[in-house]
N, C-alpha and C. Protein backbone atom coordinates (compact mmCIF):
# COMPACT_ATOMS: atom_id res chain seq x y z
N MET A 1 -4.74 -20.51 -38.33
CA MET A 1 -3.41 -19.98 -38.51
C MET A 1 -3.14 -18.95 -37.41
N LYS A 2 -1.98 -19.06 -36.78
CA LYS A 2 -1.64 -18.13 -35.72
C LYS A 2 -1.30 -16.77 -36.29
N LYS A 3 -1.74 -15.74 -35.56
CA LYS A 3 -1.41 -14.37 -35.95
C LYS A 3 0.02 -14.09 -35.53
N ARG A 4 0.78 -13.52 -36.42
CA ARG A 4 2.17 -13.18 -36.10
C ARG A 4 2.21 -11.97 -35.18
N ILE A 5 3.16 -11.97 -34.28
CA ILE A 5 3.33 -10.86 -33.36
C ILE A 5 3.88 -9.66 -34.14
N THR A 6 3.33 -8.50 -33.88
CA THR A 6 3.80 -7.29 -34.55
C THR A 6 5.00 -6.72 -33.81
N SER A 7 5.71 -5.82 -34.45
CA SER A 7 6.87 -5.20 -33.79
C SER A 7 6.41 -4.35 -32.60
N ALA A 8 5.25 -3.72 -32.70
CA ALA A 8 4.72 -2.94 -31.57
C ALA A 8 4.39 -3.85 -30.39
N GLU A 9 3.80 -5.00 -30.66
CA GLU A 9 3.49 -5.95 -29.59
C GLU A 9 4.78 -6.49 -28.96
N ARG A 10 5.77 -6.75 -29.77
CA ARG A 10 7.05 -7.24 -29.27
C ARG A 10 7.70 -6.17 -28.36
N ARG A 11 7.65 -4.92 -28.78
CA ARG A 11 8.20 -3.82 -27.96
C ARG A 11 7.47 -3.73 -26.63
N TRP A 12 6.14 -3.89 -26.64
CA TRP A 12 5.35 -3.85 -25.40
C TRP A 12 5.80 -4.96 -24.45
N ILE A 13 5.97 -6.16 -24.97
CA ILE A 13 6.40 -7.29 -24.14
C ILE A 13 7.77 -7.02 -23.53
N VAL A 14 8.68 -6.47 -24.31
CA VAL A 14 10.01 -6.13 -23.79
C VAL A 14 9.88 -5.09 -22.68
N ARG A 15 9.00 -4.12 -22.85
CA ARG A 15 8.80 -3.11 -21.80
C ARG A 15 8.24 -3.74 -20.52
N VAL A 16 7.34 -4.70 -20.67
CA VAL A 16 6.78 -5.40 -19.50
C VAL A 16 7.87 -6.18 -18.78
N ILE A 17 8.72 -6.86 -19.53
CA ILE A 17 9.82 -7.61 -18.91
C ILE A 17 10.76 -6.66 -18.18
N ARG A 18 11.10 -5.55 -18.80
CA ARG A 18 11.98 -4.58 -18.15
C ARG A 18 11.34 -4.00 -16.89
N LEU A 19 10.03 -3.76 -16.93
CA LEU A 19 9.32 -3.30 -15.74
C LEU A 19 9.45 -4.34 -14.63
N GLY A 20 9.27 -5.60 -14.98
CA GLY A 20 9.41 -6.67 -14.00
C GLY A 20 10.81 -6.76 -13.43
N GLN A 21 11.81 -6.47 -14.24
CA GLN A 21 13.19 -6.48 -13.76
C GLN A 21 13.44 -5.33 -12.78
N GLN A 22 12.62 -4.28 -12.87
CA GLN A 22 12.75 -3.14 -11.96
C GLN A 22 11.90 -3.31 -10.71
N ILE A 23 10.62 -3.65 -10.89
CA ILE A 23 9.71 -3.69 -9.73
C ILE A 23 9.44 -5.11 -9.24
N GLY A 24 9.80 -6.10 -10.03
CA GLY A 24 9.68 -7.48 -9.60
C GLY A 24 8.46 -8.22 -10.11
N CYS A 25 8.49 -9.52 -9.89
CA CYS A 25 7.40 -10.43 -10.22
C CYS A 25 6.13 -9.97 -9.50
N VAL A 26 5.00 -10.02 -10.17
CA VAL A 26 3.74 -9.59 -9.54
C VAL A 26 3.33 -10.51 -8.39
N ALA A 27 3.88 -11.72 -8.34
CA ALA A 27 3.52 -12.66 -7.28
C ALA A 27 4.45 -12.55 -6.06
N CYS A 28 5.76 -12.41 -6.30
CA CYS A 28 6.70 -12.49 -5.16
C CYS A 28 7.66 -11.32 -5.05
N GLY A 29 7.74 -10.49 -6.09
CA GLY A 29 8.65 -9.34 -6.05
C GLY A 29 10.05 -9.62 -6.54
N SER A 30 10.37 -10.86 -6.89
CA SER A 30 11.70 -11.19 -7.39
C SER A 30 11.96 -10.45 -8.70
N THR A 31 13.19 -9.97 -8.88
CA THR A 31 13.57 -9.32 -10.13
C THR A 31 14.43 -10.23 -11.00
N GLU A 32 14.54 -11.48 -10.61
CA GLU A 32 15.36 -12.46 -11.34
C GLU A 32 14.50 -13.29 -12.30
N LYS A 33 15.06 -13.60 -13.45
CA LYS A 33 14.44 -14.51 -14.42
C LYS A 33 12.99 -14.15 -14.73
N ILE A 34 12.77 -12.89 -15.07
CA ILE A 34 11.42 -12.38 -15.36
C ILE A 34 10.96 -12.85 -16.74
N ARG A 35 9.73 -13.30 -16.80
CA ARG A 35 9.07 -13.71 -18.04
C ARG A 35 7.82 -12.85 -18.22
N ALA A 36 7.35 -12.77 -19.45
CA ALA A 36 6.08 -12.11 -19.73
C ALA A 36 5.01 -13.20 -19.82
N HIS A 37 4.08 -13.19 -18.89
CA HIS A 37 3.00 -14.18 -18.90
C HIS A 37 1.80 -13.60 -19.64
N HIS A 38 1.33 -14.32 -20.66
CA HIS A 38 0.14 -13.92 -21.41
C HIS A 38 -1.09 -14.32 -20.62
N CYS A 39 -1.90 -13.36 -20.27
CA CYS A 39 -3.09 -13.60 -19.45
C CYS A 39 -4.30 -13.93 -20.31
N GLY A 40 -5.20 -14.70 -19.72
CA GLY A 40 -6.49 -14.97 -20.36
C GLY A 40 -6.43 -15.86 -21.58
N THR A 41 -5.35 -16.59 -21.74
CA THR A 41 -5.28 -17.48 -22.91
C THR A 41 -5.59 -18.90 -22.47
N ALA A 42 -6.40 -19.54 -23.25
CA ALA A 42 -6.73 -20.94 -23.01
C ALA A 42 -6.08 -21.77 -24.12
N MET A 43 -6.09 -23.02 -23.94
CA MET A 43 -5.45 -23.91 -24.91
C MET A 43 -5.98 -23.64 -26.32
N GLY A 44 -5.06 -23.36 -27.22
CA GLY A 44 -5.42 -23.20 -28.62
C GLY A 44 -5.93 -21.82 -29.02
N LEU A 45 -6.16 -20.94 -28.06
CA LEU A 45 -6.64 -19.60 -28.40
C LEU A 45 -5.46 -18.67 -28.69
N ALA A 46 -5.71 -17.67 -29.51
CA ALA A 46 -4.67 -16.71 -29.84
C ALA A 46 -4.30 -15.90 -28.60
N LYS A 47 -3.03 -15.58 -28.48
CA LYS A 47 -2.54 -14.80 -27.35
C LYS A 47 -2.79 -13.32 -27.61
N ASP A 48 -3.21 -12.61 -26.55
CA ASP A 48 -3.34 -11.16 -26.61
C ASP A 48 -2.02 -10.60 -26.09
N HIS A 49 -1.17 -10.13 -26.98
CA HIS A 49 0.16 -9.69 -26.60
C HIS A 49 0.16 -8.39 -25.81
N SER A 50 -1.00 -7.76 -25.69
CA SER A 50 -1.08 -6.55 -24.86
C SER A 50 -1.48 -6.89 -23.42
N ALA A 51 -1.91 -8.12 -23.19
CA ALA A 51 -2.35 -8.54 -21.86
C ALA A 51 -1.30 -9.47 -21.24
N VAL A 52 -0.15 -8.87 -20.91
CA VAL A 52 0.94 -9.63 -20.31
C VAL A 52 1.34 -9.00 -18.98
N ILE A 53 1.83 -9.85 -18.08
CA ILE A 53 2.29 -9.39 -16.77
C ILE A 53 3.67 -9.98 -16.50
N PRO A 54 4.51 -9.27 -15.73
CA PRO A 54 5.83 -9.80 -15.43
C PRO A 54 5.78 -10.78 -14.26
N VAL A 55 6.28 -11.98 -14.50
CA VAL A 55 6.37 -12.99 -13.45
C VAL A 55 7.74 -13.64 -13.52
N CYS A 56 8.23 -14.10 -12.36
CA CYS A 56 9.50 -14.82 -12.33
C CYS A 56 9.29 -16.24 -12.84
N LEU A 57 10.38 -16.91 -13.10
CA LEU A 57 10.31 -18.28 -13.61
C LEU A 57 9.52 -19.19 -12.67
N ASP A 58 9.68 -19.01 -11.35
CA ASP A 58 8.98 -19.86 -10.39
C ASP A 58 7.47 -19.67 -10.41
N HIS A 59 7.00 -18.48 -10.78
CA HIS A 59 5.57 -18.21 -10.78
C HIS A 59 4.95 -18.22 -12.18
N HIS A 60 5.74 -18.54 -13.18
CA HIS A 60 5.21 -18.59 -14.54
C HIS A 60 4.59 -19.95 -14.78
N ILE A 61 3.29 -19.97 -14.91
CA ILE A 61 2.54 -21.22 -15.01
C ILE A 61 2.94 -22.03 -16.25
N ASP A 62 3.28 -21.37 -17.32
CA ASP A 62 3.54 -22.08 -18.58
C ASP A 62 4.96 -22.63 -18.71
N GLU A 63 5.84 -22.35 -17.75
CA GLU A 63 7.22 -22.81 -17.82
C GLU A 63 7.36 -24.24 -17.29
N PRO A 64 8.13 -25.09 -17.95
CA PRO A 64 8.43 -26.40 -17.38
C PRO A 64 9.13 -26.21 -16.03
N GLY A 65 8.65 -26.88 -15.02
CA GLY A 65 9.22 -26.73 -13.68
C GLY A 65 8.73 -25.50 -12.95
N GLY A 66 7.85 -24.74 -13.57
CA GLY A 66 7.32 -23.53 -12.96
C GLY A 66 6.12 -23.84 -12.08
N CYS A 67 5.32 -22.85 -11.87
CA CYS A 67 4.16 -22.93 -10.98
C CYS A 67 3.18 -24.00 -11.47
N THR A 68 2.66 -24.77 -10.53
CA THR A 68 1.70 -25.82 -10.89
C THR A 68 0.29 -25.52 -10.40
N LEU A 69 0.05 -24.30 -9.95
CA LEU A 69 -1.29 -23.92 -9.50
C LEU A 69 -2.22 -23.75 -10.68
N SER A 70 -3.49 -24.00 -10.47
CA SER A 70 -4.49 -23.68 -11.50
C SER A 70 -4.63 -22.16 -11.53
N ARG A 71 -5.28 -21.66 -12.57
CA ARG A 71 -5.49 -20.21 -12.66
C ARG A 71 -6.27 -19.71 -11.44
N ARG A 72 -7.31 -20.44 -11.05
CA ARG A 72 -8.12 -20.04 -9.89
C ARG A 72 -7.26 -19.99 -8.63
N GLU A 73 -6.44 -21.00 -8.40
CA GLU A 73 -5.58 -21.04 -7.22
C GLU A 73 -4.54 -19.92 -7.25
N TRP A 74 -3.97 -19.66 -8.44
CA TRP A 74 -2.98 -18.61 -8.57
C TRP A 74 -3.61 -17.25 -8.23
N GLU A 75 -4.81 -17.00 -8.76
CA GLU A 75 -5.46 -15.71 -8.52
C GLU A 75 -5.89 -15.56 -7.06
N GLU A 76 -6.27 -16.64 -6.41
CA GLU A 76 -6.60 -16.57 -4.99
C GLU A 76 -5.37 -16.20 -4.16
N ALA A 77 -4.22 -16.70 -4.57
CA ALA A 77 -2.99 -16.45 -3.83
C ALA A 77 -2.35 -15.10 -4.15
N TYR A 78 -2.42 -14.66 -5.41
CA TYR A 78 -1.65 -13.49 -5.84
C TYR A 78 -2.46 -12.34 -6.44
N GLY A 79 -3.76 -12.50 -6.57
CA GLY A 79 -4.59 -11.46 -7.17
C GLY A 79 -4.95 -11.82 -8.60
N THR A 80 -5.92 -11.11 -9.12
CA THR A 80 -6.42 -11.43 -10.45
C THR A 80 -5.47 -10.96 -11.55
N GLU A 81 -5.50 -11.68 -12.64
CA GLU A 81 -4.70 -11.28 -13.80
C GLU A 81 -5.11 -9.88 -14.25
N GLU A 82 -6.41 -9.61 -14.23
CA GLU A 82 -6.91 -8.31 -14.68
C GLU A 82 -6.34 -7.16 -13.84
N SER A 83 -6.28 -7.35 -12.53
CA SER A 83 -5.72 -6.28 -11.68
C SER A 83 -4.24 -6.07 -11.97
N HIS A 84 -3.52 -7.15 -12.25
CA HIS A 84 -2.09 -7.02 -12.58
C HIS A 84 -1.90 -6.38 -13.95
N ILE A 85 -2.74 -6.74 -14.92
CA ILE A 85 -2.67 -6.13 -16.25
C ILE A 85 -2.89 -4.62 -16.13
N ASN A 86 -3.90 -4.23 -15.36
CA ASN A 86 -4.19 -2.80 -15.19
C ASN A 86 -3.03 -2.07 -14.53
N ALA A 87 -2.39 -2.69 -13.53
CA ALA A 87 -1.24 -2.08 -12.86
C ALA A 87 -0.07 -1.91 -13.83
N VAL A 88 0.18 -2.91 -14.65
CA VAL A 88 1.25 -2.82 -15.64
C VAL A 88 0.96 -1.68 -16.62
N ARG A 89 -0.25 -1.60 -17.11
CA ARG A 89 -0.61 -0.54 -18.06
C ARG A 89 -0.47 0.84 -17.43
N ARG A 90 -0.85 0.97 -16.15
CA ARG A 90 -0.67 2.27 -15.45
C ARG A 90 0.80 2.64 -15.36
N ASN A 91 1.64 1.66 -15.10
CA ASN A 91 3.08 1.93 -14.98
C ASN A 91 3.74 2.27 -16.31
N LEU A 92 3.21 1.76 -17.40
CA LEU A 92 3.88 1.90 -18.69
C LEU A 92 3.22 2.90 -19.65
N THR A 93 2.10 3.47 -19.27
CA THR A 93 1.47 4.46 -20.18
C THR A 93 1.38 5.81 -19.52
C-alpha cells in the first residue's frame, strides 16, 4: 500500500517548485514548466518526498516526451541527484 503524502511533504514539494521557478532547472537553468523530480526512486518503491529537485519538463525523466537518458547518463551530464538535493536543502532551510 502506498504511503499518502503528508501536508508537510506537499508544502516542501511546492517550495522546491517555486525555487526552481526562481533559480531554474538544475540541468539547464530554465524557469519554465518546472516539475519536482523525486530522486532515488526505482520502479515500485515508495517515493521520498523530501528528496526532490526542480527540473524543467524537458529534463524530467518521468514525463512523457521528457528526457530519455538513463539515470547514469543524466548524472554524468548534469551532476548527481545527491548534490542537487543538498543544494536544494541549503537554499530552502
